[in-house]
Amino acid sequence: MGSLSQENIDKLDLNGGVYRCEPILELLPEHKRNDPYWCRNWTFRPREYDGEYYMQDTYWYGYDSHPIKLSDENFDRFEYLFNLNDIRFEYSYQSWAEYPEEDRWICPLDSGGRSHPKFVVRQKAHKVKDSVVARLMAEIDTLTSELECKKETLDRVIKDEVDIDYV
């Protein structure tokens, strides 16, 4: 494998950058190739060790036993997503989905991995008004429907049309 040019080193965000790529099976140890997502998110933080540059999988907080060594040949396979200092986490999918697509990601960032990814939003992003309006209208429709149902049930109770022990 070749080395990483200064031009590509200069492109790396070493202070909080998060990248992703599709599994690169040939760069994994043989025993990991059958299940490339075992203990791997395929989202990365770049790291420098002894003058060499590696992509460390975000599954591992501190030590990735199989980081991917960067070279000019594989550099473009890694897509820059965001800087951790420029994002915040949303804890509800519904809230997350109200932000513009270009300002939000679903991203595995720790050992919760792909089963429990994080809902990530750019810090300075603002929700899309039409999305918020649509959610509120849907909530009002649901509550209106529930209210109508309760009124019908009340009317049936008053008219002795239902067994009140089941209301």
Foldseek 3Di string as FASTA:
>chain_A
DAAADPVLVVVADQQAWKKAADDDLVQDPPVCNVPVQDLAQRIFHWDDDPNWIWTAGLQDPPDRPRTGTDYPVCSVRIGIQDGPVFKDFDPDPLVLVQWDPNFWDFGQRYNCHPVDTTTIGGPPTDGDPVSVVVVVVVVVVVVVVVVVVVVVVVVCVVVVNDDVVVD
